[in-house]
Amino acid sequence: MSLTADRAEIAAALSTVDGVNGYEYRPTVPRPGDAWPTLPTLDLEEGLVWRATWTVNVFLPQAERDASVWIDAHFLAIVTALRVPGFADKAEPALMPAAGGDQYVLEITMRSE
């Protein structure tokens, strides 16, 4: 599969979760529940196959407590949906730099099949 197809499949899988809108690329003005993949690394496995490692960013409500409540309500459904295009290895709340100040996101590290 191509990286473009993987990106589209990840976005489509994210969109199957209630309260989540999957995008292939970061929306111009993200809202809580908007999610998109970024490609931080490609690793050559056994000298034969390139495997993509993706970071899926899920934009959260910007109040700290609201962000935590949102994660509690949606996390399992998101990582379950991501099993279709690959598998999640790690997830952590993070701050994403933005012009107006850091913004809460959930970063999920996953690999495509």
PDB file of N, CA and C in Angstrom:
ATOM      1  N   MET A   1       0.842  -1.173   0.000  1.00  0.00           N
ATOM      2  CA  MET A   1       0.000   0.000   0.000  1.00  0.00           C
ATOM      3  C   MET A   1       0.893   1.243   0.000  1.00  0.00           C
ATOM      4  N   SER A   2       0.412   2.320  -0.544  1.00  0.00           N
ATOM      5  CA  SER A   2       1.169   3.569  -0.584  1.00  0.00           C
ATOM      6  C   SER A   2       0.935   4.379   0.684  1.00  0.00           C
ATOM      7  N   LEU A   3       1.825   5.325   0.929  1.00  0.00           N
ATOM      8  CA  LEU A   3       1.655   6.196   2.085  1.00  0.00           C
ATOM      9  C   LEU A   3       0.370   7.006   1.965  1.00  0.00           C
ATOM     10  N   THR A   4       0.053   7.438   0.748  1.00  0.00           N
ATOM     11  CA  THR A   4      -1.180   8.202   0.523  1.00  0.00           C
ATOM     12  C   THR A   4      -2.399   7.360   0.871  1.00  0.00           C
ATOM     13  N   ALA A   5      -2.393   6.106   0.454  1.00  0.00           N
ATOM     14  CA  ALA A   5      -3.516   5.207   0.762  1.00  0.00           C
ATOM     15  C   ALA A   5      -3.576   4.915   2.261  1.00  0.00           C
ATOM     16  N   ASP A   6      -2.402   4.724   2.900  1.00  0.00           N
ATOM     17  CA  ASP A   6      -2.385   4.496   4.353  1.00  0.00           C
ATOM     18  C   ASP A   6      -2.978   5.687   5.095  1.00  0.00           C
ATOM     19  N   ARG A   7      -2.582   6.894   4.680  1.00  0.00           N
ATOM     20  CA  ARG A   7      -3.086   8.113   5.318  1.00  0.00           C
ATOM     21  C   ARG A   7      -4.609   8.192   5.192  1.00  0.00           C
ATOM     22  N   ALA A   8      -5.122   7.890   4.013  1.00  0.00           N
ATOM     23  CA  ALA A   8      -6.571   7.924   3.778  1.00  0.00           C
ATOM     24  C   ALA A   8      -7.285   6.863   4.611  1.00  0.00           C
ATOM     25  N   GLU A   9      -6.681   5.693   4.729  1.00  0.00           N
ATOM     26  CA  GLU A   9      -7.298   4.613   5.511  1.00  0.00           C
ATOM     27  C   GLU A   9      -7.317   4.950   7.004  1.00  0.00           C
ATOM     28  N   ILE A  10      -6.265   5.580   7.496  1.00  0.00           N
ATOM     29  CA  ILE A  10      -6.237   6.000   8.900  1.00  0.00           C
ATOM     30  C   ILE A  10      -7.328   7.040   9.148  1.00  0.00           C
ATOM     31  N   ALA A  11      -7.432   8.034   8.264  1.00  0.00           N
ATOM     32  CA  ALA A  11      -8.462   9.074   8.411  1.00  0.00           C
ATOM     33  C   ALA A  11      -9.858   8.461   8.389  1.00  0.00           C
ATOM     34  N   ALA A  12     -10.086   7.510   7.484  1.00  0.00           N
ATOM     35  CA  ALA A  12     -11.395   6.857   7.396  1.00  0.00           C
ATOM     36  C   ALA A  12     -11.694   6.059   8.663  1.00  0.00           C
ATOM     37  N   ALA A  13     -10.701   5.357   9.200  1.00  0.00           N
ATOM     38  CA  ALA A  13     -10.901   4.587  10.434  1.00  0.00           C
ATOM     39  C   ALA A  13     -11.242   5.510  11.594  1.00  0.00           C
ATOM     40  N   LEU A  14     -10.552   6.640  11.684  1.00  0.00           N
ATOM     41  CA  LEU A  14     -10.838   7.603  12.754  1.00  0.00           C
ATOM     42  C   LEU A  14     -12.268   8.129  12.661  1.00  0.00           C
ATOM     43  N   SER A  15     -12.743   8.332  11.450  1.00  0.00           N
ATOM     44  CA  SER A  15     -14.095   8.880  11.251  1.00  0.00           C
ATOM     45  C   SER A  15     -15.198   7.912  11.657  1.00  0.00           C
ATOM     46  N   THR A  16     -14.866   6.652  11.894  1.00  0.00           N
ATOM     47  CA  THR A  16     -15.885   5.692  12.333  1.00  0.00           C
ATOM     48  C   THR A  16     -16.213   5.825  13.815  1.00  0.00           C
ATOM     49  N   VAL A  17     -15.412   6.582  14.543  1.00  0.00           N
ATOM     50  CA  VAL A  17     -15.613   6.745  15.993  1.00  0.00           C
ATOM     51  C   VAL A  17     -16.534   7.933  16.248  1.00  0.00           C
ATOM     52  N   ASP A  18     -17.570   7.718  17.051  1.00  0.00           N
ATOM     53  CA  ASP A  18     -18.475   8.821  17.414  1.00  0.00           C
ATOM     54  C   ASP A  18     -17.683   9.931  18.086  1.00  0.00           C
ATOM     55  N   GLY A  19     -17.891  11.153  17.627  1.00  0.00           N
ATOM     56  CA  GLY A  19     -17.219  12.306  18.217  1.00  0.00           C
ATOM     57  C   GLY A  19     -15.845  12.585  17.643  1.00  0.00           C
ATOM     58  N   VAL A  20     -15.430  11.803  16.631  1.00  0.00           N
ATOM     59  CA  VAL A  20     -14.114  11.990  16.010  1.00  0.00           C
ATOM     60  C   VAL A  20     -14.304  12.232  14.521  1.00  0.00           C
ATOM     61  N   ASN A  21     -13.587  13.221  13.992  1.00  0.00           N
ATOM     62  CA  ASN A  21     -13.587  13.524  12.559  1.00  0.00           C
ATOM     63  C   ASN A  21     -12.181  13.290  12.034  1.00  0.00           C
ATOM     64  N   GLY A  22     -12.019  12.251  11.215  1.00  0.00           N
ATOM     65  CA  GLY A  22     -10.710  11.940  10.666  1.00  0.00           C
ATOM     66  C   GLY A  22     -10.392  12.787   9.450  1.00  0.00           C
ATOM     67  N   TYR A  23      -9.164  13.260   9.378  1.00  0.00           N
ATOM     68  CA  TYR A  23      -8.673  14.033   8.239  1.00  0.00           C
ATOM     69  C   TYR A  23      -7.354  13.429   7.789  1.00  0.00           C
ATOM     70  N   GLU A  24      -7.049  13.552   6.515  1.00  0.00           N
ATOM     71  CA  GLU A  24      -5.768  13.063   6.015  1.00  0.00           C
ATOM     72  C   GLU A  24      -4.631  13.990   6.425  1.00  0.00           C
ATOM     73  N   TYR A  25      -4.932  15.268   6.585  1.00  0.00           N
ATOM     74  CA  TYR A  25      -3.954  16.273   7.003  1.00  0.00           C
ATOM     75  C   TYR A  25      -4.592  17.162   8.059  1.00  0.00           C
ATOM     76  N   ARG A  26      -3.767  17.860   8.822  1.00  0.00           N
ATOM     77  CA  ARG A  26      -4.276  18.722   9.882  1.00  0.00           C
ATOM     78  C   ARG A  26      -5.236  19.767   9.320  1.00  0.00           C
ATOM     79  N   PRO A  27      -6.436  19.864   9.896  1.00  0.00           N
ATOM     80  CA  PRO A  27      -7.355  20.911   9.456  1.00  0.00           C
ATOM     81  C   PRO A  27      -6.807  22.295   9.807  1.00  0.00           C
ATOM     82  N   THR A  28      -7.204  23.284   9.041  1.00  0.00           N
ATOM     83  CA  THR A  28      -6.718  24.646   9.264  1.00  0.00           C
ATOM     84  C   THR A  28      -7.047  25.131  10.667  1.00  0.00           C
ATOM     85  N   VAL A  29      -8.264  24.909  11.105  1.00  0.00           N
ATOM     86  CA  VAL A  29      -8.690  25.295  12.455  1.00  0.00           C
ATOM     87  C   VAL A  29      -9.266  24.041  13.118  1.00  0.00           C
ATOM     88  N   PRO A  30      -8.409  23.260  13.797  1.00  0.00           N
ATOM     89  CA  PRO A  30      -8.912  22.034  14.410  1.00  0.00           C
ATOM     90  C   PRO A  30      -9.876  22.315  15.555  1.00  0.00           C
ATOM     91  N   ARG A  31     -10.827  21.407  15.695  1.00  0.00           N
ATOM     92  CA  ARG A  31     -11.817  21.467  16.768  1.00  0.00           C
ATOM     93  C   ARG A  31     -11.710  20.170  17.574  1.00  0.00           C
ATOM     94  N   PRO A  32     -12.199  20.168  18.807  1.00  0.00           N
ATOM     95  CA  PRO A  32     -12.138  18.936  19.592  1.00  0.00           C
ATOM     96  C   PRO A  32     -12.741  17.756  18.823  1.00  0.00           C
ATOM     97  N   GLY A  33     -11.997  16.678  18.800  1.00  0.00           N
ATOM     98  CA  GLY A  33     -12.420  15.479  18.083  1.00  0.00           C
ATOM     99  C   GLY A  33     -11.828  15.369  16.689  1.00  0.00           C
ATOM    100  N   ASP A  34     -11.239  16.432  16.170  1.00  0.00           N
ATOM    101  CA  ASP A  34     -10.568  16.342  14.870  1.00  0.00           C
ATOM    102  C   ASP A  34      -9.277  15.554  15.047  1.00  0.00           C
ATOM    103  N   ALA A  35      -8.999  14.661  14.103  1.00  0.00           N
ATOM    104  CA  ALA A  35      -7.824  13.795  14.210  1.00  0.00           C
ATOM    105  C   ALA A  35      -7.190  13.622  12.838  1.00  0.00           C
ATOM    106  N   TRP A  36      -5.857  13.518  12.821  1.00  0.00           N
ATOM    107  CA  TRP A  36      -5.143  13.385  11.555  1.00  0.00           C
ATOM    108  C   TRP A  36      -3.803  12.690  11.803  1.00  0.00           C
ATOM    109  N   PRO A  37      -3.305  11.964  10.806  1.00  0.00           N
ATOM    110  CA  PRO A  37      -2.002  11.318  10.942  1.00  0.00           C
ATOM    111  C   PRO A  37      -0.873  12.215  10.437  1.00  0.00           C
ATOM    112  N   THR A  38       0.289  12.086  11.064  1.00  0.00           N
ATOM    113  CA  THR A  38       1.524  12.657  10.541  1.00  0.00           C
ATOM    114  C   THR A  38       2.530  11.516  10.447  1.00  0.00           C
ATOM    115  N   LEU A  39       3.507  11.666   9.592  1.00  0.00           N
ATOM    116  CA  LEU A  39       4.476  10.596   9.339  1.00  0.00           C
ATOM    117  C   LEU A  39       5.851  10.990   9.870  1.00  0.00           C
ATOM    118  N   PRO A  40       6.190  10.588  11.114  1.00  0.00           N
ATOM    119  CA  PRO A  40       7.503  10.967  11.638  1.00  0.00           C
ATOM    120  C   PRO A  40       8.649  10.077  11.168  1.00  0.00           C
ATOM    121  N   THR A  41       8.380   8.765  10.909  1.00  0.00           N
ATOM    122  CA  THR A  41       9.490   7.885  10.520  1.00  0.00           C
ATOM    123  C   THR A  41       9.051   6.802   9.545  1.00  0.00           C
ATOM    124  N   LEU A  42      10.024   6.387   8.754  1.00  0.00           N
ATOM    125  CA  LEU A  42       9.926   5.188   7.921  1.00  0.00           C
ATOM    126  C   LEU A  42      11.133   4.333   8.279  1.00  0.00           C
ATOM    127  N   ASP A  43      10.917   3.064   8.653  1.00  0.00           N
ATOM    128  CA  ASP A  43      12.002   2.173   9.050  1.00  0.00           C
ATOM    129  C   ASP A  43      12.123   1.031   8.059  1.00  0.00           C
ATOM    130  N   LEU A  44      13.360   0.717   7.685  1.00  0.00           N
ATOM    131  CA  LEU A  44      13.617  -0.422   6.808  1.00  0.00           C
ATOM    132  C   LEU A  44      13.738  -1.669   7.675  1.00  0.00           C
ATOM    133  N   GLU A  45      12.828  -2.615   7.470  1.00  0.00           N
ATOM    134  CA  GLU A  45      12.825  -3.839   8.269  1.00  0.00           C
ATOM    135  C   GLU A  45      13.465  -4.978   7.492  1.00  0.00           C
ATOM    136  N   GLU A  46      14.445  -5.581   8.135  1.00  0.00           N
ATOM    137  CA  GLU A  46      15.165  -6.724   7.569  1.00  0.00           C
ATOM    138  C   GLU A  46      15.699  -6.435   6.168  1.00  0.00           C
ATOM    139  N   GLY A  47      15.946  -5.172   5.887  1.00  0.00           N
ATOM    140  CA  GLY A  47      16.502  -4.787   4.598  1.00  0.00           C
ATOM    141  C   GLY A  47      15.571  -4.987   3.420  1.00  0.00           C
ATOM    142  N   LEU A  48      14.286  -5.235   3.698  1.00  0.00           N
ATOM    143  CA  LEU A  48      13.362  -5.579   2.618  1.00  0.00           C
ATOM    144  C   LEU A  48      12.143  -4.676   2.503  1.00  0.00           C
ATOM    145  N   VAL A  49      11.576  -4.305   3.632  1.00  0.00           N
ATOM    146  CA  VAL A  49      10.284  -3.629   3.626  1.00  0.00           C
ATOM    147  C   VAL A  49      10.366  -2.342   4.437  1.00  0.00           C
ATOM    148  N   TRP A  50       9.827  -1.280   3.875  1.00  0.00           N
ATOM    149  CA  TRP A  50       9.734  -0.025   4.615  1.00  0.00           C
ATOM    150  C   TRP A  50       8.437  -0.011   5.392  1.00  0.00           C
ATOM    151  N   ARG A  51       8.527   0.208   6.713  1.00  0.00           N
ATOM    152  CA  ARG A  51       7.333   0.268   7.562  1.00  0.00           C
ATOM    153  C   ARG A  51       7.170   1.687   8.079  1.00  0.00           C
ATOM    154  N   ALA A  52       5.974   2.208   7.879  1.00  0.00           N
ATOM    155  CA  ALA A  52       5.658   3.560   8.343  1.00  0.00           C
ATOM    156  C   ALA A  52       5.242   3.529   9.808  1.00  0.00           C
ATOM    157  N   THR A  53       5.761   4.475  10.565  1.00  0.00           N
ATOM    158  CA  THR A  53       5.284   4.742  11.913  1.00  0.00           C
ATOM    159  C   THR A  53       4.570   6.085  11.859  1.00  0.00           C
ATOM    160  N   TRP A  54       3.324   6.091  12.271  1.00  0.00           N
ATOM    161  CA  TRP A  54       2.490   7.292  12.206  1.00  0.00           C
ATOM    162  C   TRP A  54       2.246   7.845  13.598  1.00  0.00           C
ATOM    163  N   THR A  55       2.103   9.144  13.683  1.00  0.00           N
ATOM    164  CA  THR A  55       1.578   9.778  14.888  1.00  0.00           C
ATOM    165  C   THR A  55       0.189  10.283  14.532  1.00  0.00           C
ATOM    166  N   VAL A  56      -0.806   9.768  15.227  1.00  0.00           N
ATOM    167  CA  VAL A  56      -2.173  10.247  15.045  1.00  0.00           C
ATOM    168  C   VAL A  56      -2.415  11.290  16.127  1.00  0.00           C
ATOM    169  N   ASN A  57      -2.718  12.502  15.699  1.00  0.00           N
ATOM    170  CA  ASN A  57      -3.001  13.605  16.617  1.00  0.00           C
ATOM    171  C   ASN A  57      -4.508  13.775  16.720  1.00  0.00           C
ATOM    172  N   VAL A  58      -5.009  13.740  17.939  1.00  0.00           N
ATOM    173  CA  VAL A  58      -6.431  13.964  18.181  1.00  0.00           C
ATOM    174  C   VAL A  58      -6.541  15.265  18.976  1.00  0.00           C
ATOM    175  N   PHE A  59      -7.165  16.251  18.383  1.00  0.00           N
ATOM    176  CA  PHE A  59      -7.309  17.549  19.025  1.00  0.00           C
ATOM    177  C   PHE A  59      -8.324  17.433  20.150  1.00  0.00           C
ATOM    178  N   LEU A  60      -7.963  17.954  21.329  1.00  0.00           N
ATOM    179  CA  LEU A  60      -8.783  17.812  22.531  1.00  0.00           C
ATOM    180  C   LEU A  60      -9.414  19.131  22.946  1.00  0.00           C
ATOM    181  N   PRO A  61     -10.439  19.068  23.800  1.00  0.00           N
ATOM    182  CA  PRO A  61     -10.917  20.305  24.423  1.00  0.00           C
ATOM    183  C   PRO A  61      -9.732  20.954  25.144  1.00  0.00           C
ATOM    184  N   GLN A  62      -9.723  22.270  25.211  1.00  0.00           N
ATOM    185  CA  GLN A  62      -8.532  22.959  25.689  1.00  0.00           C
ATOM    186  C   GLN A  62      -8.487  23.217  27.191  1.00  0.00           C
ATOM    187  N   ALA A  63      -9.534  22.904  27.913  1.00  0.00           N
ATOM    188  CA  ALA A  63      -9.456  22.923  29.372  1.00  0.00           C
ATOM    189  C   ALA A  63      -8.883  21.572  29.813  1.00  0.00           C
ATOM    190  N   GLU A  64      -7.929  21.590  30.729  1.00  0.00           N
ATOM    191  CA  GLU A  64      -7.223  20.358  31.097  1.00  0.00           C
ATOM    192  C   GLU A  64      -8.173  19.247  31.553  1.00  0.00           C
ATOM    193  N   ARG A  65      -9.113  19.573  32.416  1.00  0.00           N
ATOM    194  CA  ARG A  65     -10.059  18.563  32.902  1.00  0.00           C
ATOM    195  C   ARG A  65     -10.926  18.043  31.758  1.00  0.00           C
ATOM    196  N   ASP A  66     -11.412  18.942  30.903  1.00  0.00           N
ATOM    197  CA  ASP A  66     -12.244  18.535  29.769  1.00  0.00           C
ATOM    198  C   ASP A  66     -11.465  17.624  28.818  1.00  0.00           C
ATOM    199  N   ALA A  67     -10.176  17.903  28.628  1.00  0.00           N
ATOM    200  CA  ALA A  67      -9.339  17.052  27.780  1.00  0.00           C
ATOM    201  C   ALA A  67      -9.245  15.643  28.366  1.00  0.00           C
ATOM    202  N   SER A  68      -9.059  15.568  29.685  1.00  0.00           N
ATOM    203  CA  SER A  68      -8.977  14.259  30.346  1.00  0.00           C
ATOM    204  C   SER A  68     -10.286  13.489  30.239  1.00  0.00           C
ATOM    205  N   VAL A  69     -11.399  14.174  30.439  1.00  0.00           N
ATOM    206  CA  VAL A  69     -12.716  13.529  30.333  1.00  0.00           C
ATOM    207  C   VAL A  69     -12.934  13.035  28.910  1.00  0.00           C
ATOM    208  N   TRP A  70     -12.532  13.831  27.914  1.00  0.00           N
ATOM    209  CA  TRP A  70     -12.701  13.441  26.509  1.00  0.00           C
ATOM    210  C   TRP A  70     -11.891  12.184  26.207  1.00  0.00           C
ATOM    211  N   ILE A  71     -10.649  12.138  26.692  1.00  0.00           N
ATOM    212  CA  ILE A  71      -9.819  10.945  26.477  1.00  0.00           C
ATOM    213  C   ILE A  71     -10.469   9.730  27.117  1.00  0.00           C
ATOM    214  N   ASP A  72     -10.937   9.884  28.356  1.00  0.00           N
ATOM    215  CA  ASP A  72     -11.586   8.762  29.051  1.00  0.00           C
ATOM    216  C   ASP A  72     -12.749   8.204  28.240  1.00  0.00           C
ATOM    217  N   ALA A  73     -13.508   9.083  27.611  1.00  0.00           N
ATOM    218  CA  ALA A  73     -14.712   8.666  26.884  1.00  0.00           C
ATOM    219  C   ALA A  73     -14.419   8.080  25.498  1.00  0.00           C
ATOM    220  N   HIS A  74     -13.302   8.445  24.866  1.00  0.00           N
ATOM    221  CA  HIS A  74     -13.080   8.083  23.466  1.00  0.00           C
ATOM    222  C   HIS A  74     -11.871   7.194  23.185  1.00  0.00           C
ATOM    223  N   PHE A  75     -10.962   7.080  24.136  1.00  0.00           N
ATOM    224  CA  PHE A  75      -9.691   6.414  23.857  1.00  0.00           C
ATOM    225  C   PHE A  75      -9.849   5.000  23.318  1.00  0.00           C
ATOM    226  N   LEU A  76     -10.577   4.163  24.017  1.00  0.00           N
ATOM    227  CA  LEU A  76     -10.691   2.755  23.609  1.00  0.00           C
ATOM    228  C   LEU A  76     -11.293   2.624  22.213  1.00  0.00           C
ATOM    229  N   ALA A  77     -12.302   3.405  21.910  1.00  0.00           N
ATOM    230  CA  ALA A  77     -12.923   3.340  20.582  1.00  0.00           C
ATOM    231  C   ALA A  77     -11.935   3.764  19.493  1.00  0.00           C
ATOM    232  N   ILE A  78     -11.112   4.764  19.777  1.00  0.00           N
ATOM    233  CA  ILE A  78     -10.139   5.231  18.780  1.00  0.00           C
ATOM    234  C   ILE A  78      -9.098   4.161  18.496  1.00  0.00           C
ATOM    235  N   VAL A  79      -8.478   3.618  19.532  1.00  0.00           N
ATOM    236  CA  VAL A  79      -7.431   2.619  19.278  1.00  0.00           C
ATOM    237  C   VAL A  79      -8.006   1.336  18.689  1.00  0.00           C
ATOM    238  N   THR A  80      -9.244   1.024  19.005  1.00  0.00           N
ATOM    239  CA  THR A  80      -9.895  -0.129  18.382  1.00  0.00           C
ATOM    240  C   THR A  80     -10.112   0.127  16.895  1.00  0.00           C
ATOM    241  N   ALA A  81     -10.571   1.315  16.529  1.00  0.00           N
ATOM    242  CA  ALA A  81     -10.772   1.663  15.116  1.00  0.00           C
ATOM    243  C   ALA A  81      -9.455   1.635  14.350  1.00  0.00           C
ATOM    244  N   LEU A  82      -8.370   2.009  14.991  1.00  0.00           N
ATOM    245  CA  LEU A  82      -7.072   2.042  14.312  1.00  0.00           C
ATOM    246  C   LEU A  82      -6.503   0.655  14.045  1.00  0.00           C
ATOM    247  N   ARG A  83      -7.132  -0.387  14.584  1.00  0.00           N
ATOM    248  CA  ARG A  83      -6.685  -1.762  14.297  1.00  0.00           C
ATOM    249  C   ARG A  83      -6.930  -2.137  12.836  1.00  0.00           C
ATOM    250  N   VAL A  84      -7.840  -1.426  12.170  1.00  0.00           N
ATOM    251  CA  VAL A  84      -8.127  -1.736  10.762  1.00  0.00           C
ATOM    252  C   VAL A  84      -6.916  -1.422   9.893  1.00  0.00           C
ATOM    253  N   PRO A  85      -6.343  -0.201   9.965  1.00  0.00           N
ATOM    254  CA  PRO A  85      -5.194   0.077   9.113  1.00  0.00           C
ATOM    255  C   PRO A  85      -3.848  -0.305   9.719  1.00  0.00           C
ATOM    256  N   GLY A  86      -3.803  -0.710  10.987  1.00  0.00           N
ATOM    257  CA  GLY A  86      -2.526  -1.042  11.615  1.00  0.00           C
ATOM    258  C   GLY A  86      -2.705  -1.371  13.079  1.00  0.00           C
ATOM    259  N   PHE A  87      -1.781  -0.900  13.914  1.00  0.00           N
ATOM    260  CA  PHE A  87      -1.916  -1.119  15.347  1.00  0.00           C
ATOM    261  C   PHE A  87      -1.220  -0.005  16.107  1.00  0.00           C
ATOM    262  N   ALA A  88      -1.816   0.342  17.235  1.00  0.00           N
ATOM    263  CA  ALA A  88      -1.272   1.405  18.073  1.00  0.00           C
ATOM    264  C   ALA A  88      -0.259   0.818  19.047  1.00  0.00           C
ATOM    265  N   ASP A  89       0.845   1.531  19.229  1.00  0.00           N
ATOM    266  CA  ASP A  89       1.896   1.125  20.159  1.00  0.00           C
ATOM    267  C   ASP A  89       1.875   1.915  21.458  1.00  0.00           C
ATOM    268  N   LYS A  90       1.468   3.184  21.359  1.00  0.00           N
ATOM    269  CA  LYS A  90       1.629   4.094  22.489  1.00  0.00           C
ATOM    270  C   LYS A  90       0.647   5.239  22.337  1.00  0.00           C
ATOM    271  N   ALA A  91       0.221   5.794  23.450  1.00  0.00           N
ATOM    272  CA  ALA A  91      -0.634   6.984  23.420  1.00  0.00           C
ATOM    273  C   ALA A  91      -0.295   7.846  24.625  1.00  0.00           C
ATOM    274  N   GLU A  92      -0.309   9.154  24.407  1.00  0.00           N
ATOM    275  CA  GLU A  92      -0.055  10.059  25.516  1.00  0.00           C
ATOM    276  C   GLU A  92      -0.642  11.433  25.231  1.00  0.00           C
ATOM    277  N   PRO A  93      -1.197  12.068  26.272  1.00  0.00           N
ATOM    278  CA  PRO A  93      -1.614  13.453  26.127  1.00  0.00           C
ATOM    279  C   PRO A  93      -0.357  14.292  25.887  1.00  0.00           C
ATOM    280  N   ALA A  94      -0.498  15.317  25.067  1.00  0.00           N
ATOM    281  CA  ALA A  94       0.655  16.155  24.741  1.00  0.00           C
ATOM    282  C   ALA A  94       0.189  17.580  24.483  1.00  0.00           C
ATOM    283  N   LEU A  95       1.155  18.473  24.400  1.00  0.00           N
ATOM    284  CA  LEU A  95       0.890  19.845  24.015  1.00  0.00           C
ATOM    285  C   LEU A  95       1.483  20.073  22.631  1.00  0.00           C
ATOM    286  N   MET A  96       0.650  20.553  21.714  1.00  0.00           N
ATOM    287  CA  MET A  96       1.092  20.841  20.361  1.00  0.00           C
ATOM    288  C   MET A  96       1.328  22.344  20.250  1.00  0.00           C
ATOM    289  N   PRO A  97       2.516  22.748  19.798  1.00  0.00           N
ATOM    290  CA  PRO A  97       2.763  24.180  19.637  1.00  0.00           C
ATOM    291  C   PRO A  97       1.813  24.792  18.608  1.00  0.00           C
ATOM    292  N   ALA A  98       1.342  25.971  18.906  1.00  0.00           N
ATOM    293  CA  ALA A  98       0.471  26.712  17.994  1.00  0.00           C
ATOM    294  C   ALA A  98       0.738  28.199  18.188  1.00  0.00           C
ATOM    295  N   ALA A  99       0.370  28.996  17.205  1.00  0.00           N
ATOM    296  CA  ALA A  99       0.640  30.433  17.236  1.00  0.00           C
ATOM    297  C   ALA A  99       0.058  31.109  18.480  1.00  0.00           C
ATOM    298  N   GLY A 100      -1.126  30.683  18.893  1.00  0.00           N
ATOM    299  CA  GLY A 100      -1.780  31.297  20.040  1.00  0.00           C
ATOM    300  C   GLY A 100      -1.401  30.679  21.365  1.00  0.00           C
ATOM    301  N   GLY A 101      -0.520  29.690  21.355  1.00  0.00           N
ATOM    302  CA  GLY A 101      -0.120  28.986  22.571  1.00  0.00           C
ATOM    303  C   GLY A 101      -0.290  27.491  22.386  1.00  0.00           C
ATOM    304  N   ASP A 102       0.336  26.724  23.261  1.00  0.00           N
ATOM    305  CA  ASP A 102       0.259  25.269  23.162  1.00  0.00           C
ATOM    306  C   ASP A 102      -1.184  24.792  23.303  1.00  0.00           C
ATOM    307  N   GLN A 103      -1.495  23.704  22.580  1.00  0.00           N
ATOM    308  CA  GLN A 103      -2.849  23.162  22.586  1.00  0.00           C
ATOM    309  C   GLN A 103      -2.810  21.676  22.925  1.00  0.00           C
ATOM    310  N   TYR A 104      -3.814  21.227  23.694  1.00  0.00           N
ATOM    311  CA  TYR A 104      -3.886  19.823  24.095  1.00  0.00           C
ATOM    312  C   TYR A 104      -4.261  18.923  22.917  1.00  0.00           C
ATOM    313  N   VAL A 105      -3.481  17.843  22.775  1.00  0.00           N
ATOM    314  CA  VAL A 105      -3.793  16.787  21.818  1.00  0.00           C
ATOM    315  C   VAL A 105      -3.520  15.448  22.483  1.00  0.00           C
ATOM    316  N   LEU A 106      -4.094  14.421  21.926  1.00  0.00           N
ATOM    317  CA  LEU A 106      -3.744  13.053  22.270  1.00  0.00           C
ATOM    318  C   LEU A 106      -2.891  12.545  21.116  1.00  0.00           C
ATOM    319  N   GLU A 107      -1.656  12.126  21.408  1.00  0.00           N
ATOM    320  CA  GLU A 107      -0.771  11.589  20.377  1.00  0.00           C
ATOM    321  C   GLU A 107      -0.778  10.077  20.479  1.00  0.00           C
ATOM    322  N   ILE A 108      -1.146   9.431  19.390  1.00  0.00           N
ATOM    323  CA  ILE A 108      -1.158   7.972  19.338  1.00  0.00           C
ATOM    324  C   ILE A 108      -0.127   7.548  18.306  1.00  0.00           C
ATOM    325  N   THR A 109       0.828   6.753  18.734  1.00  0.00           N
ATOM    326  CA  THR A 109       1.833   6.224  17.817  1.00  0.00           C
ATOM    327  C   THR A 109       1.331   4.879  17.298  1.00  0.00           C
ATOM    328  N   MET A 110       1.338   4.740  15.975  1.00  0.00           N
ATOM    329  CA  MET A 110       0.852   3.490  15.382  1.00  0.00           C
ATOM    330  C   MET A 110       1.698   3.129  14.168  1.00  0.00           C
ATOM    331  N   ARG A 111       1.640   1.884  13.792  1.00  0.00           N
ATOM    332  CA  ARG A 111       2.295   1.420  12.580  1.00  0.00           C
ATOM    333  C   ARG A 111       1.244   0.846  11.643  1.00  0.00           C
ATOM    334  N   SER A 112       1.385   1.137  10.371  1.00  0.00           N
ATOM    335  CA  SER A 112       0.467   0.570   9.389  1.00  0.00           C
ATOM    336  C   SER A 112       0.940  -0.824   9.036  1.00  0.00           C
ATOM    337  N   GLU A 113       0.015  -1.655   8.634  1.00  0.00           N
ATOM    338  CA  GLU A 113       0.332  -3.050   8.278  1.00  0.00           C
ATOM    339  C   GLU A 113       1.040  -3.112   6.958  1.00  0.00           C
TER     340      GLU A 113
END
